């Protein structure tokens, strides 16, 4: 398998989704319309589902619970070598009107979201990140990803930042801007699919059967109707729940995406 996967269709799909989100958020915020993590999580998995059969993507969804933003805890398993997957766990946040993020220092019953991610990292031996949905008018950038391929600002439509960096910045100030993380601390999500990465002895390798066995409580999403049903229920729960009176359990991903390489036999 080549070190640079930039020419693969799977890589191009994530690039296209990132660019689409970047442009859409700019367009929405020009008119003063706000959005949410759940909307863009739905957009991502809908786009992936349309291409899942020929690009080796699979998507599972947990039963919508009483999370304030259902769909903001996302796990992505990426197959690096045939039969060996690494896990990336994400907490998603959307850039709000005014190019600000809200709720980065959210604390529920004495626990920050990044502390839940750290516990999850210990349990699963995985990578942990914050996933940002962005779009910023008049911002330009030309960067180089981890496999030495150029990317522009539109790839920050889906960007990821190390959890420790989010923790440090979230605790150091009361407002958090796009510029607090981009471009210095952020990377385009597409590079995780477009670049092989380097082996990490601190991260577990998962086989496909093990992954599937951990998803016995999840529904595999195979049709757009499945997605619409899941998110409609989540939106209804979100409207009716009282965030101040709920007891959040430990982190459990609501959306799980499995990305297999082109040589996989599964």
Protein backbone atom coordinates (compact mmCIF):
# COMPACT_ATOMS: atom_id res chain seq x y z
CA UNK A 1 0.00 0.00 0.00
CA UNK A 2 1.47 3.43 -0.90
CA UNK A 3 2.41 5.92 1.82
CA UNK A 4 0.43 8.60 0.00
CA UNK A 5 -3.25 7.77 -0.43
CA UNK A 6 -4.09 11.20 -1.82
CA UNK A 7 -5.27 9.80 -5.16
CA UNK A 8 -7.75 7.34 -3.66
CA UNK A 9 -11.49 7.95 -3.96
CA UNK A 10 -11.89 7.62 -0.18
CA UNK A 11 -9.44 10.47 0.36
CA UNK A 12 -11.18 12.62 -2.22
CA UNK A 13 -14.57 12.02 -0.61
CA UNK A 14 -13.45 13.39 2.77
CA UNK A 15 -11.79 16.31 1.02
CA UNK A 16 -15.02 17.06 -0.83
CA UNK A 17 -17.11 16.86 2.35
CA UNK A 18 -14.69 19.18 4.17
CA UNK A 19 -14.83 21.72 1.36
CA UNK A 20 -18.62 21.53 1.21
CA UNK A 21 -18.98 22.14 4.95
CA UNK A 22 -16.55 25.08 4.84
CA UNK A 23 -18.52 26.79 2.06
CA UNK A 24 -21.93 26.01 3.57
CA UNK A 25 -21.09 27.39 7.00
CA UNK A 26 -19.78 30.60 5.43
CA UNK A 27 -22.95 30.91 3.37
CA UNK A 28 -25.24 30.27 6.35
CA UNK A 29 -23.45 32.68 8.66
CA UNK A 30 -23.52 35.44 6.05
CA UNK A 31 -27.27 35.44 6.48
CA UNK A 32 -27.13 35.13 10.25
CA UNK A 33 -28.41 31.53 10.32
CA UNK A 34 -26.87 29.34 13.02
CA UNK A 35 -26.35 25.57 12.89
CA UNK A 36 -25.38 22.67 15.15
CA UNK A 37 -23.04 19.71 15.50
CA UNK A 38 -25.89 17.30 14.91
CA UNK A 39 -26.73 18.86 11.54
CA UNK A 40 -23.21 18.48 10.19
CA UNK A 41 -22.72 15.04 11.68
CA UNK A 42 -25.81 14.00 9.74
CA UNK A 43 -24.44 15.67 6.61
CA UNK A 44 -21.13 13.80 6.92
CA UNK A 45 -22.61 10.36 7.37
CA UNK A 46 -25.25 10.95 4.67
CA UNK A 47 -22.52 11.81 2.18
CA UNK A 48 -20.43 8.83 3.24
CA UNK A 49 -23.40 6.49 3.02
CA UNK A 50 -24.03 7.50 -0.58
CA UNK A 51 -20.52 6.22 -1.40
CA UNK A 52 -20.11 3.50 1.22
CA UNK A 53 -20.38 0.42 -0.98
CA UNK A 54 -17.65 1.27 -3.45
CA UNK A 55 -15.38 3.04 -0.94
CA UNK A 56 -15.40 0.52 1.92
CA UNK A 57 -17.05 2.77 4.50
CA UNK A 58 -19.43 1.37 7.13
CA UNK A 59 -21.49 3.41 9.59
CA UNK A 60 -23.19 2.45 12.85
CA UNK A 61 -25.35 4.58 15.13
CA UNK A 62 -26.13 4.15 18.81
CA UNK A 63 -29.67 4.60 20.12
CA UNK A 64 -30.18 8.35 20.66
CA UNK A 65 -29.87 9.18 24.34
CA UNK A 66 -30.23 12.29 26.43
CA UNK A 67 -26.99 13.95 25.32
CA UNK A 68 -27.29 17.70 24.80
CA UNK A 69 -25.76 17.33 21.34
CA UNK A 70 -26.38 13.77 20.20
CA UNK A 71 -24.04 12.93 17.34
CA UNK A 72 -21.07 14.88 18.72
CA UNK A 73 -19.20 11.81 20.00
CA UNK A 74 -17.78 10.07 16.95
CA UNK A 75 -15.45 7.07 16.62
CA UNK A 76 -13.60 6.42 13.37
CA UNK A 77 -11.76 3.13 12.81
CA UNK A 78 -9.22 3.40 9.99
CA UNK A 79 -7.65 0.28 8.47
CA UNK A 80 -3.93 0.93 8.04
CA UNK A 81 -2.81 -2.54 7.01
CA UNK A 82 -5.18 -5.29 5.94
CA UNK A 83 -7.01 -6.50 9.03
CA UNK A 84 -5.49 -3.88 11.35
CA UNK A 85 -7.54 -0.84 12.34
CA UNK A 86 -6.63 2.09 14.56
CA UNK A 87 -9.27 4.03 16.44
CA UNK A 88 -9.66 7.80 16.49
CA UNK A 89 -12.22 9.15 18.99
CA UNK A 90 -13.63 12.64 18.48
CA UNK A 91 -15.67 15.22 20.34
CA UNK A 92 -17.29 17.39 17.68
CA UNK A 93 -17.82 21.14 18.02
CA UNK A 94 -19.15 23.63 15.49
CA UNK A 95 -17.83 27.13 14.88
CA UNK A 96 -20.63 29.53 15.79
CA UNK A 97 -21.59 32.94 14.46
CA UNK A 98 -18.78 35.40 15.14
CA UNK A 99 -16.14 32.73 14.48
CA UNK A 100 -16.36 31.49 18.06
CA UNK A 101 -16.74 28.08 19.66
CA UNK A 102 -19.04 27.64 22.62
CA UNK A 103 -19.09 25.13 25.44
CA UNK A 104 -15.44 24.04 25.13
CA UNK A 105 -15.11 24.08 28.91
CA UNK A 106 -18.37 22.23 29.47
CA UNK A 107 -18.32 20.53 32.85
CA UNK A 108 -20.93 17.97 33.84
CA UNK A 109 -20.99 16.85 37.47
CA UNK A 110 -17.36 17.85 37.90
CA UNK A 111 -16.09 16.22 34.72
CA UNK A 112 -14.87 17.97 31.58
CA UNK A 113 -15.48 16.44 28.17
CA UNK A 114 -11.73 16.02 27.60
CA UNK A 115 -11.50 14.02 30.83
CA UNK A 116 -14.03 11.58 29.43
CA UNK A 117 -11.93 11.34 26.28
CA UNK A 118 -8.82 10.65 28.36
CA UNK A 119 -10.59 7.82 30.18
CA UNK A 120 -11.71 6.48 26.81
CA UNK A 121 -8.13 6.66 25.53
CA UNK A 122 -6.95 4.54 28.46
CA UNK A 123 -9.76 2.04 27.96
CA UNK A 124 -9.49 1.70 24.18
CA UNK A 125 -5.81 2.63 23.62
CA UNK A 126 -6.79 5.01 20.85
CA UNK A 127 -6.17 8.52 19.55
CA UNK A 128 -8.40 11.27 20.96
CA UNK A 129 -9.20 14.61 19.33
CA UNK A 130 -11.69 17.41 19.03
CA UNK A 131 -13.33 17.61 15.61
CA UNK A 132 -14.26 21.12 14.51
CA UNK A 133 -16.86 22.00 11.85
CA UNK A 134 -15.72 25.32 10.38
CA UNK A 135 -16.27 27.99 7.77
CA UNK A 136 -14.63 31.43 7.91
CA UNK A 137 -15.15 34.16 5.37
CA UNK A 138 -11.99 35.90 4.05
CA UNK A 139 -9.64 33.40 5.73
CA UNK A 140 -7.04 31.87 3.41
CA UNK A 141 -4.38 29.29 4.12
CA UNK A 142 -2.04 27.00 2.24
CA UNK A 143 -0.67 24.16 4.32
CA UNK A 144 1.07 20.82 3.92
CA UNK A 145 -0.49 17.71 5.44
CA UNK A 146 1.29 14.77 7.06
CA UNK A 147 2.01 13.11 3.73
CA UNK A 148 3.50 16.31 2.28
CA UNK A 149 0.51 17.18 0.11
CA UNK A 150 -0.71 20.77 -0.14
CA UNK A 151 -4.15 21.70 1.15
CA UNK A 152 -6.05 24.98 1.30
CA UNK A 153 -8.30 26.56 3.91
CA UNK A 154 -11.38 24.65 2.75
CA UNK A 155 -9.95 21.47 4.27
CA UNK A 156 -10.45 23.13 7.65
CA UNK A 157 -14.17 22.56 7.09
CA UNK A 158 -13.37 19.41 9.05
CA UNK A 159 -10.33 19.94 11.27
CA UNK A 160 -9.03 18.06 14.27
CA UNK A 161 -7.07 19.29 17.28
CA UNK A 162 -5.27 17.39 20.02
CA UNK A 163 -7.36 17.13 23.17
CA UNK A 164 -4.55 18.54 25.35
CA UNK A 165 -4.43 21.70 23.23
CA UNK A 166 -8.19 22.17 23.58
CA UNK A 167 -7.96 21.68 27.33
CA UNK A 168 -5.13 24.20 27.68
CA UNK A 169 -6.89 26.90 25.66
CA UNK A 170 -10.35 26.21 27.07
CA UNK A 171 -9.09 26.76 30.63
CA UNK A 172 -6.99 29.82 29.80
CA UNK A 173 -9.79 32.08 28.52
CA UNK A 174 -13.55 32.52 28.44
CA UNK A 175 -14.04 32.87 24.69
CA UNK A 176 -12.50 30.68 22.01
CA UNK A 177 -12.01 31.73 18.41
CA UNK A 178 -11.18 29.94 15.19
CA UNK A 179 -7.75 31.61 15.30
CA UNK A 180 -6.98 30.04 18.69
CA UNK A 181 -6.56 26.71 16.90
CA UNK A 182 -6.15 27.41 13.19
CA UNK A 183 -3.81 27.03 11.51
CA UNK A 184 -1.17 26.44 14.21
CA UNK A 185 -2.79 23.64 16.24
CA UNK A 186 -5.24 22.15 13.75
CA UNK A 187 -4.92 19.61 10.96
CA UNK A 188 -7.39 18.74 8.20
CA UNK A 189 -9.40 15.61 8.97
CA UNK A 190 -8.82 14.43 5.41
CA UNK A 191 -5.18 13.68 6.15
CA UNK A 192 -6.19 10.78 8.41
CA UNK A 193 -7.67 9.07 5.35
CA UNK A 194 -5.22 10.44 2.80
CA UNK A 195 -2.01 9.60 4.71
CA UNK A 196 -0.98 6.27 6.21
CA UNK A 197 0.53 7.74 9.35
CA UNK A 198 3.25 6.15 11.45
CA UNK A 199 2.97 3.12 13.77
CA UNK A 200 2.32 3.93 17.43
CA UNK A 201 3.00 1.29 20.07
CA UNK A 202 0.64 3.08 22.48
CA UNK A 203 -2.34 2.58 20.17
CA UNK A 204 -4.18 -0.73 19.84
CA UNK A 205 -4.69 -2.53 16.54
CA UNK A 206 -8.26 -3.74 16.11
CA UNK A 207 -9.43 -6.43 13.72
CA UNK A 208 -12.74 -6.10 11.93
CA UNK A 209 -14.50 -8.88 13.83
CA UNK A 210 -13.58 -7.33 17.18
CA UNK A 211 -14.92 -3.97 16.05
CA UNK A 212 -18.22 -5.46 14.94
CA UNK A 213 -18.59 -7.35 18.22
CA UNK A 214 -18.30 -4.09 20.17
CA UNK A 215 -21.17 -2.65 18.13
CA UNK A 216 -23.82 -5.15 19.13
CA UNK A 217 -25.94 -2.33 20.61
CA UNK A 218 -25.64 -0.24 17.46
CA UNK A 219 -27.69 -0.13 14.28
CA UNK A 220 -25.80 -0.38 11.03
CA UNK A 221 -26.94 2.45 8.77
CA UNK A 222 -27.45 1.19 5.24
CA UNK A 223 -30.04 3.56 3.80
CA UNK A 224 -30.68 7.29 4.00
CA UNK A 225 -33.99 6.45 5.67
CA UNK A 226 -32.00 4.89 8.53
CA UNK A 227 -30.07 8.12 9.01
CA UNK A 228 -33.20 10.28 8.86
CA UNK A 229 -34.94 8.09 11.44
CA UNK A 230 -32.00 8.15 13.87
CA UNK A 231 -31.50 11.89 13.67
CA UNK A 232 -35.21 12.71 13.83
CA UNK A 233 -35.42 10.79 17.09
CA UNK A 234 -32.28 12.49 18.41
CA UNK A 235 -33.66 15.94 17.59
CA UNK A 236 -36.92 15.13 19.36
CA UNK A 237 -35.08 13.93 22.47
CA UNK A 238 -32.89 17.02 22.40
CA UNK A 239 -35.93 19.31 22.40
CA UNK A 240 -37.64 17.53 25.27
CA UNK A 241 -34.66 16.88 27.57
CA UNK A 242 -33.60 19.13 30.42
CA UNK A 243 -29.83 19.42 30.23
CA UNK A 244 -29.59 20.76 33.78
CA UNK A 245 -31.20 17.70 35.34
CA UNK A 246 -29.51 14.82 33.61
CA UNK A 247 -26.69 12.57 34.76
CA UNK A 248 -24.24 11.98 31.91
CA UNK A 249 -22.60 8.58 31.78
CA UNK A 250 -19.07 7.91 30.61
CA UNK A 251 -18.32 8.55 26.98
CA UNK A 252 -19.96 6.22 24.49
CA UNK A 253 -19.75 7.12 20.82
CA UNK A 254 -23.07 7.83 19.12
CA UNK A 255 -21.69 7.44 15.62
CA UNK A 256 -19.05 4.88 14.58
CA UNK A 257 -17.46 4.98 11.12
CA UNK A 258 -15.26 2.14 9.88
CA UNK A 259 -12.98 2.89 6.93
CA UNK A 260 -11.36 -0.10 5.24
CA UNK A 261 -8.42 0.04 2.86
CA UNK A 262 -8.70 -0.91 -0.77
CA UNK A 263 -6.99 -4.28 -0.31
CA UNK A 264 -9.35 -5.39 2.49
CA UNK A 265 -11.16 -8.67 1.87
CA UNK A 266 -14.12 -7.82 4.13
